[in-house]
């Protein structure tokens, strides 16, 4: 039996054992299930368009609207719950270690935690594939602490992102209400700057029990996403102006 967490080595704490509270959660005991989902997702992206070549597009407008509005509602709930959790736990933006205890304030974090191939861009595939692995890694080993800012900002942005998707899925007649798409992309870029800056502070100056490896991972991923979304912004909004 391992000793108290404070007596474990870095490897024992963050790699070998992970967080005992998520040990029995679906997909969390081993990386094999989530890696399987990761591979299946990439296979679907690769083979899906080929399977649909000789088929008519499915009519899934209703399902798309329902899905996007449901995710928007979930994002609102998560954002609200994380705000309450931050206030109750006196969250520190500068340095917040992970609380591995059974304190209700620590546990609250867990309770919140069609044929158009042109839409399947590298940005789309990379974002969804890497976030699957990234999220599993963080939930498994550091569910809380400095990770809070990433989760909060991401959930807040997703409120507006899925609101946009939900409205867009309702049909062409909604396009006149979607003039703010450009600003949604800007909001996403601001999100990556804030996440990167917050994580970079911990990498350079943090010394509060939150492993720098995870903060460094956030810095790298935020920088990659910022680059990809900037390219999307330029190609979508700036390049057409020059024609």
Protein backbone atom coordinates (compact mmCIF):
# COMPACT_ATOMS: atom_id res chain seq x y z
CA UNK A 1 0.00 0.00 0.00
CA UNK A 2 1.37 3.43 -0.89
CA UNK A 3 1.99 5.84 1.93
CA UNK A 4 0.38 9.25 2.38
CA UNK A 5 0.42 11.36 -0.76
CA UNK A 6 2.74 13.92 0.77
CA UNK A 7 5.37 11.18 1.21
CA UNK A 8 5.18 9.93 -2.37
CA UNK A 9 7.82 10.80 -4.91
CA UNK A 10 6.89 12.96 -7.90
CA UNK A 11 6.56 9.91 -10.17
CA UNK A 12 4.44 8.00 -7.65
CA UNK A 13 2.12 10.94 -7.11
CA UNK A 14 1.58 12.17 -10.64
CA UNK A 15 2.31 9.22 -12.90
CA UNK A 16 2.02 5.87 -11.14
CA UNK A 17 -1.01 6.40 -8.92
CA UNK A 18 -2.84 9.40 -10.29
CA UNK A 19 -5.83 10.71 -8.37
CA UNK A 20 -7.45 7.93 -6.36
CA UNK A 21 -10.83 9.68 -6.53
CA UNK A 22 -11.15 9.07 -10.28
CA UNK A 23 -9.74 5.55 -10.26
CA UNK A 24 -13.15 3.91 -10.72
CA UNK A 25 -14.49 6.38 -13.26
CA UNK A 26 -15.20 5.14 -16.80
CA UNK A 27 -12.08 5.40 -19.02
CA UNK A 28 -9.92 6.67 -16.15
CA UNK A 29 -8.29 3.52 -14.76
CA UNK A 30 -6.03 3.02 -17.77
CA UNK A 31 -5.05 5.11 -20.81
CA UNK A 32 -5.97 2.21 -23.12
CA UNK A 33 -9.72 3.02 -23.45
CA UNK A 34 -9.17 6.70 -24.20
CA UNK A 35 -6.38 5.87 -26.66
CA UNK A 36 -8.80 3.47 -28.35
CA UNK A 37 -11.37 6.26 -28.66
CA UNK A 38 -8.61 8.50 -30.02
CA UNK A 39 -7.68 6.00 -32.74
CA UNK A 40 -11.33 5.34 -33.63
CA UNK A 41 -11.92 9.08 -33.99
CA UNK A 42 -9.01 9.44 -36.40
CA UNK A 43 -10.23 6.40 -38.36
CA UNK A 44 -13.70 7.94 -38.61
CA UNK A 45 -12.25 11.21 -39.89
CA UNK A 46 -10.19 9.33 -42.47
CA UNK A 47 -12.69 6.72 -43.62
CA UNK A 48 -15.99 8.53 -43.00
CA UNK A 49 -15.92 10.71 -46.14
CA UNK A 50 -15.07 7.67 -48.27
CA UNK A 51 -18.01 5.74 -46.83
CA UNK A 52 -20.32 8.65 -47.65
CA UNK A 53 -19.13 9.16 -51.23
CA UNK A 54 -21.97 7.17 -52.79
CA UNK A 55 -24.58 8.02 -50.18
CA UNK A 56 -26.93 10.94 -49.80
CA UNK A 57 -26.27 13.34 -46.92
CA UNK A 58 -28.15 12.52 -43.74
CA UNK A 59 -30.69 15.07 -42.54
CA UNK A 60 -29.62 15.69 -38.96
CA UNK A 61 -30.60 19.32 -38.45
CA UNK A 62 -32.78 18.60 -35.43
CA UNK A 63 -30.10 16.52 -33.75
CA UNK A 64 -27.47 19.20 -34.43
CA UNK A 65 -29.60 21.95 -32.91
CA UNK A 66 -30.40 19.84 -29.85
CA UNK A 67 -26.78 18.79 -29.37
CA UNK A 68 -25.35 22.29 -29.64
CA UNK A 69 -27.93 23.83 -27.31
CA UNK A 70 -27.39 21.00 -24.81
CA UNK A 71 -23.63 21.57 -24.80
CA UNK A 72 -24.22 25.31 -24.43
CA UNK A 73 -26.43 24.68 -21.39
CA UNK A 74 -23.82 22.32 -19.94
CA UNK A 75 -21.11 24.95 -20.46
CA UNK A 76 -23.23 27.54 -18.62
CA UNK A 77 -23.66 25.12 -15.73
CA UNK A 78 -19.96 24.27 -15.56
CA UNK A 79 -18.94 27.93 -15.70
CA UNK A 80 -21.38 28.81 -12.92
CA UNK A 81 -20.29 25.90 -10.73
CA UNK A 82 -16.61 26.68 -11.21
CA UNK A 83 -17.19 30.29 -10.20
CA UNK A 84 -18.89 29.16 -6.99
CA UNK A 85 -16.12 26.66 -6.33
CA UNK A 86 -13.45 29.33 -6.84
CA UNK A 87 -15.14 31.74 -4.43
CA UNK A 88 -15.72 29.10 -1.76
CA UNK A 89 -12.15 27.81 -1.91
CA UNK A 90 -10.53 31.28 -2.10
CA UNK A 91 -8.87 30.34 -5.36
CA UNK A 92 -5.48 31.94 -6.05
CA UNK A 93 -4.74 32.92 -9.64
CA UNK A 94 -1.01 33.04 -8.96
CA UNK A 95 -0.54 29.66 -7.39
CA UNK A 96 -3.15 27.03 -6.61
CA UNK A 97 -2.08 23.46 -5.77
CA UNK A 98 -4.38 20.52 -6.42
CA UNK A 99 -6.56 19.59 -3.45
CA UNK A 100 -6.59 15.78 -3.35
CA UNK A 101 -8.64 15.65 -0.15
CA UNK A 102 -12.26 14.62 0.34
CA UNK A 103 -13.22 18.19 1.21
CA UNK A 104 -16.58 19.00 -0.48
CA UNK A 105 -15.04 22.14 -1.96
CA UNK A 106 -12.41 20.01 -3.68
CA UNK A 107 -14.89 17.36 -4.79
CA UNK A 108 -17.18 19.95 -6.35
CA UNK A 109 -14.71 20.23 -9.21
CA UNK A 110 -15.56 16.66 -10.22
CA UNK A 111 -19.30 17.16 -10.40
CA UNK A 112 -18.93 19.90 -13.01
CA UNK A 113 -16.14 18.14 -14.70
CA UNK A 114 -23.81 15.47 -42.52
CA UNK A 115 -21.56 15.22 -45.66
CA UNK A 116 -19.44 18.37 -45.51
CA UNK A 117 -15.84 17.22 -45.67
CA UNK A 118 -14.59 20.80 -46.03
CA UNK A 119 -15.40 21.31 -42.35
CA UNK A 120 -13.01 18.52 -41.36
CA UNK A 121 -9.91 20.71 -41.27
CA UNK A 122 -6.61 19.99 -39.56
CA UNK A 123 -7.60 22.50 -36.88
CA UNK A 124 -10.85 20.64 -36.24
CA UNK A 125 -9.25 17.19 -36.08
CA UNK A 126 -6.22 18.25 -34.05
CA UNK A 127 -8.32 20.21 -31.57
CA UNK A 128 -10.74 17.39 -30.81
CA UNK A 129 -8.17 14.60 -30.89
CA UNK A 130 -5.53 16.23 -28.71
CA UNK A 131 -8.06 17.62 -26.22
CA UNK A 132 -9.35 14.10 -25.62
CA UNK A 133 -5.89 12.99 -24.51
CA UNK A 134 -5.06 16.25 -22.77
CA UNK A 135 -8.25 16.23 -20.71
CA UNK A 136 -7.77 12.61 -19.67
CA UNK A 137 -4.20 13.37 -18.55
CA UNK A 138 -5.25 16.35 -16.45
CA UNK A 139 -8.32 14.69 -14.88
CA UNK A 140 -6.27 11.60 -14.06
CA UNK A 141 -3.40 13.38 -12.34
CA UNK A 142 -4.17 17.05 -11.57
CA UNK A 143 -7.97 17.62 -11.40
CA UNK A 144 -7.96 21.11 -9.96
CA UNK A 145 -5.40 23.64 -8.82
CA UNK A 146 -3.89 25.65 -11.65
CA UNK A 147 -6.02 23.63 -14.09
CA UNK A 148 -9.07 25.56 -12.92
CA UNK A 149 -8.35 28.60 -15.08
CA UNK A 150 -8.09 26.48 -18.23
CA UNK A 151 -11.38 24.73 -17.51
CA UNK A 152 -13.22 27.91 -16.56
CA UNK A 153 -12.13 29.92 -19.60
CA UNK A 154 -12.77 27.02 -21.93
CA UNK A 155 -16.28 26.48 -20.55
CA UNK A 156 -17.08 30.19 -20.79
CA UNK A 157 -15.99 30.34 -24.44
CA UNK A 158 -17.96 27.18 -25.20
CA UNK A 159 -21.17 28.88 -24.07
CA UNK A 160 -20.89 31.32 -26.97
CA UNK A 161 -19.36 28.83 -29.37
CA UNK A 162 -22.20 26.33 -29.08
CA UNK A 163 -24.77 29.11 -29.04
CA UNK A 164 -23.41 30.07 -32.44
CA UNK A 165 -23.39 26.47 -33.67
CA UNK A 166 -26.93 25.93 -32.42
CA UNK A 167 -28.24 29.00 -34.22
CA UNK A 168 -26.33 28.15 -37.39
CA UNK A 169 -27.77 24.62 -37.37
CA UNK A 170 -31.30 26.02 -37.48
CA UNK A 171 -30.87 26.95 -41.12
CA UNK A 172 -29.85 29.71 -43.56
CA UNK A 173 -32.53 32.07 -42.25
CA UNK A 174 -30.47 32.45 -39.07
CA UNK A 175 -27.39 33.79 -40.85
CA UNK A 176 -28.44 37.40 -40.33
CA UNK A 177 -28.15 36.82 -36.58
CA UNK A 178 -24.66 35.34 -36.81
CA UNK A 179 -22.71 38.49 -37.64
CA UNK A 180 -20.64 37.99 -34.50
CA UNK A 181 -18.77 34.89 -35.73
CA UNK A 182 -15.63 36.96 -36.25
CA UNK A 183 -15.72 38.13 -32.65
CA UNK A 184 -16.18 34.57 -31.44
CA UNK A 185 -12.87 33.66 -33.04
CA UNK A 186 -11.27 36.68 -31.38
CA UNK A 187 -12.66 35.52 -28.04
CA UNK A 188 -11.05 32.12 -28.61
CA UNK A 189 -7.71 33.78 -29.34
CA UNK A 190 -7.94 35.83 -26.15
CA UNK A 191 -8.70 32.62 -24.27
CA UNK A 192 -5.50 30.98 -25.50
CA UNK A 193 -3.42 34.04 -24.56
CA UNK A 194 -4.84 34.04 -21.03
CA UNK A 195 -4.39 30.29 -20.55
CA UNK A 196 -0.85 30.42 -21.91
CA UNK A 197 0.09 33.41 -19.74
CA UNK A 198 -1.37 31.85 -16.61
CA UNK A 199 0.39 28.53 -17.19
CA UNK A 200 3.65 30.24 -18.14
CA UNK A 201 3.66 32.08 -14.82
CA UNK A 202 3.59 28.75 -13.00
CA UNK A 203 6.35 27.36 -15.21
CA UNK A 204 8.61 30.33 -14.48
CA UNK A 205 7.70 31.40 -10.95
CA UNK A 206 5.26 28.91 -9.45
CA UNK A 207 6.32 26.83 -6.47
CA UNK A 208 3.09 25.69 -4.87
CA UNK A 209 2.87 21.96 -5.37
CA UNK A 210 1.40 22.08 -8.86
CA UNK A 211 3.71 20.18 -11.26
CA UNK A 212 5.36 22.41 -13.85
CA UNK A 213 5.14 19.61 -16.41
CA UNK A 214 1.38 20.07 -16.67
CA UNK A 215 1.67 23.85 -16.85
CA UNK A 216 4.29 23.51 -19.58
CA UNK A 217 1.90 21.26 -21.48
CA UNK A 218 -0.77 23.98 -21.27
CA UNK A 219 1.70 26.57 -22.53
CA UNK A 220 2.63 24.45 -25.54
CA UNK A 221 -0.94 23.50 -26.43
CA UNK A 222 -2.20 27.06 -26.01
CA UNK A 223 0.55 28.33 -28.30
CA UNK A 224 -0.31 25.70 -30.92
CA UNK A 225 -4.02 26.49 -30.74
CA UNK A 226 -3.32 30.22 -30.93
CA UNK A 227 -1.29 29.65 -34.08
CA UNK A 228 -3.94 27.44 -35.69
CA UNK A 229 -6.84 29.74 -34.80
CA UNK A 230 -4.89 32.79 -35.97
CA UNK A 231 -4.38 31.10 -39.32
CA UNK A 232 -8.10 30.30 -39.43
CA UNK A 233 -8.93 33.93 -38.65
CA UNK A 234 -6.64 35.26 -41.37
CA UNK A 235 -7.88 32.78 -43.97
CA UNK A 236 -11.54 33.33 -43.12
CA UNK A 237 -11.77 37.06 -42.45
CA UNK A 238 -8.68 38.86 -43.69
CA UNK A 239 -7.77 37.03 -46.90
CA UNK A 240 -11.18 37.61 -48.57
CA UNK A 241 -10.74 41.37 -48.06
CA UNK A 242 -7.61 41.37 -50.23
CA UNK A 243 -9.32 39.80 -53.23
